[in-house]
């Protein structure tokens, strides 16, 4: 999207003040701060204790790579 198209689209929104300025400047950090967003976030997966797979049991070996698919066709 061209800069002028973006500005026109943002100006059609029902926002004012600091929110509008942050959107026009494409400043995601300022917008998050104005809206009370979190400054940082953590994502983690808690898995049960399992022993790691051996190299021989790697699931990646079961999936053919792209080159072998082309050769099979």
C-alpha atoms as a PDB file:
ATOM      1  CA  UNK A   1       0.000   0.000   0.000  1.00  0.00           C
ATOM      2  CA  UNK A   2       1.358   3.403  -0.935  1.00  0.00           C
ATOM      3  CA  UNK A   3       2.001   5.877   1.899  1.00  0.00           C
ATOM      4  CA  UNK A   4      -0.777   8.265   0.801  1.00  0.00           C
ATOM      5  CA  UNK A   5      -3.283   5.377   0.586  1.00  0.00           C
ATOM      6  CA  UNK A   6      -2.305   4.269   4.084  1.00  0.00           C
ATOM      7  CA  UNK A   7      -2.747   7.784   5.484  1.00  0.00           C
ATOM      8  CA  UNK A   8      -6.149   8.121   3.805  1.00  0.00           C
ATOM      9  CA  UNK A   9      -7.254   4.752   5.199  1.00  0.00           C
ATOM     10  CA  UNK A  10      -6.116   5.629   8.730  1.00  0.00           C
ATOM     11  CA  UNK A  11      -7.873   9.001   8.610  1.00  0.00           C
ATOM     12  CA  UNK A  12     -11.192   7.234   7.865  1.00  0.00           C
ATOM     13  CA  UNK A  13     -10.946   5.366  11.189  1.00  0.00           C
ATOM     14  CA  UNK A  14     -12.761   6.614  14.269  1.00  0.00           C
ATOM     15  CA  UNK A  15      -9.588   7.361  16.267  1.00  0.00           C
ATOM     16  CA  UNK A  16      -8.157  10.605  17.586  1.00  0.00           C
ATOM     17  CA  UNK A  17      -5.222  12.003  19.500  1.00  0.00           C
ATOM     18  CA  UNK A  18      -2.242   9.829  20.350  1.00  0.00           C
ATOM     19  CA  UNK A  19      -3.797   6.740  18.741  1.00  0.00           C
ATOM     20  CA  UNK A  20      -4.117   8.550  15.409  1.00  0.00           C
ATOM     21  CA  UNK A  21      -0.570   9.881  15.586  1.00  0.00           C
ATOM     22  CA  UNK A  22       0.816   6.421  16.392  1.00  0.00           C
ATOM     23  CA  UNK A  23      -1.112   4.857  13.498  1.00  0.00           C
ATOM     24  CA  UNK A  24      -0.051   7.552  11.038  1.00  0.00           C
ATOM     25  CA  UNK A  25       3.585   7.113  12.108  1.00  0.00           C
ATOM     26  CA  UNK A  26       3.226   3.311  11.992  1.00  0.00           C
ATOM     27  CA  UNK A  27       4.661   3.263  15.504  1.00  0.00           C
ATOM     28  CA  UNK A  28       3.509  -0.026  16.997  1.00  0.00           C
ATOM     29  CA  UNK A  29       5.299   0.579  20.309  1.00  0.00           C
ATOM     30  CA  UNK A  30       3.585   3.943  20.840  1.00  0.00           C
ATOM     31  CA  UNK A  31       0.227   2.470  19.870  1.00  0.00           C
ATOM     32  CA  UNK A  32       0.664  -0.399  22.324  1.00  0.00           C
ATOM     33  CA  UNK A  33       1.577   2.034  25.083  1.00  0.00           C
ATOM     34  CA  UNK A  34      -1.413   4.292  24.369  1.00  0.00           C
ATOM     35  CA  UNK A  35      -3.750   1.297  24.366  1.00  0.00           C
ATOM     36  CA  UNK A  36      -2.222  -0.145  27.555  1.00  0.00           C
ATOM     37  CA  UNK A  37      -0.674  -3.148  25.866  1.00  0.00           C
ATOM     38  CA  UNK A  38       2.023  -5.293  27.372  1.00  0.00           C
ATOM     39  CA  UNK A  39       5.594  -4.284  26.779  1.00  0.00           C
ATOM     40  CA  UNK A  40       6.736  -7.879  26.637  1.00  0.00           C
ATOM     41  CA  UNK A  41       5.170 -11.275  26.454  1.00  0.00           C
ATOM     42  CA  UNK A  42       6.355 -14.784  27.164  1.00  0.00           C
ATOM     43  CA  UNK A  43       5.213 -17.922  25.375  1.00  0.00           C
ATOM     44  CA  UNK A  44       6.208 -21.366  26.499  1.00  0.00           C
ATOM     45  CA  UNK A  45       5.086 -24.933  26.165  1.00  0.00           C
ATOM     46  CA  UNK A  46       5.138 -27.120  29.217  1.00  0.00           C
ATOM     47  CA  UNK A  47       5.527 -30.726  28.116  1.00  0.00           C
ATOM     48  CA  UNK A  48       5.655 -33.801  30.331  1.00  0.00           C
ATOM     49  CA  UNK A  49       9.043 -35.271  31.062  1.00  0.00           C
ATOM     50  CA  UNK A  50       9.908 -37.438  28.115  1.00  0.00           C
ATOM     51  CA  UNK A  51      13.206 -38.749  26.995  1.00  0.00           C
ATOM     52  CA  UNK A  52      14.530 -37.077  23.845  1.00  0.00           C
ATOM     53  CA  UNK A  53      14.220 -38.971  20.581  1.00  0.00           C
ATOM     54  CA  UNK A  54      17.251 -40.854  19.388  1.00  0.00           C
ATOM     55  CA  UNK A  55      18.692 -39.778  16.062  1.00  0.00           C
ATOM     56  CA  UNK A  56      17.233 -42.941  14.540  1.00  0.00           C
ATOM     57  CA  UNK A  57      13.719 -42.039  15.713  1.00  0.00           C
ATOM     58  CA  UNK A  58      13.692 -38.543  14.269  1.00  0.00           C
ATOM     59  CA  UNK A  59      10.272 -37.745  12.765  1.00  0.00           C
ATOM     60  CA  UNK A  60      11.948 -35.636  10.064  1.00  0.00           C
ATOM     61  CA  UNK A  61      13.182 -38.834   8.421  1.00  0.00           C
ATOM     62  CA  UNK A  62       9.592 -39.948   7.789  1.00  0.00           C
ATOM     63  CA  UNK A  63       8.813 -36.880   5.682  1.00  0.00           C
ATOM     64  CA  UNK A  64      10.203 -36.971   2.134  1.00  0.00           C
ATOM     65  CA  UNK A  65      12.114 -33.917   1.081  1.00  0.00           C
ATOM     66  CA  UNK A  66      11.071 -31.803  -1.901  1.00  0.00           C
ATOM     67  CA  UNK A  67      13.804 -33.190  -4.185  1.00  0.00           C
ATOM     68  CA  UNK A  68      12.698 -36.799  -3.673  1.00  0.00           C
ATOM     69  CA  UNK A  69       9.089 -35.830  -4.407  1.00  0.00           C
ATOM     70  CA  UNK A  70      10.124 -34.295  -7.728  1.00  0.00           C
ATOM     71  CA  UNK A  71      12.113 -37.378  -8.668  1.00  0.00           C
ATOM     72  CA  UNK A  72       9.176 -39.685  -7.879  1.00  0.00           C
ATOM     73  CA  UNK A  73       6.788 -37.827 -10.190  1.00  0.00           C
END
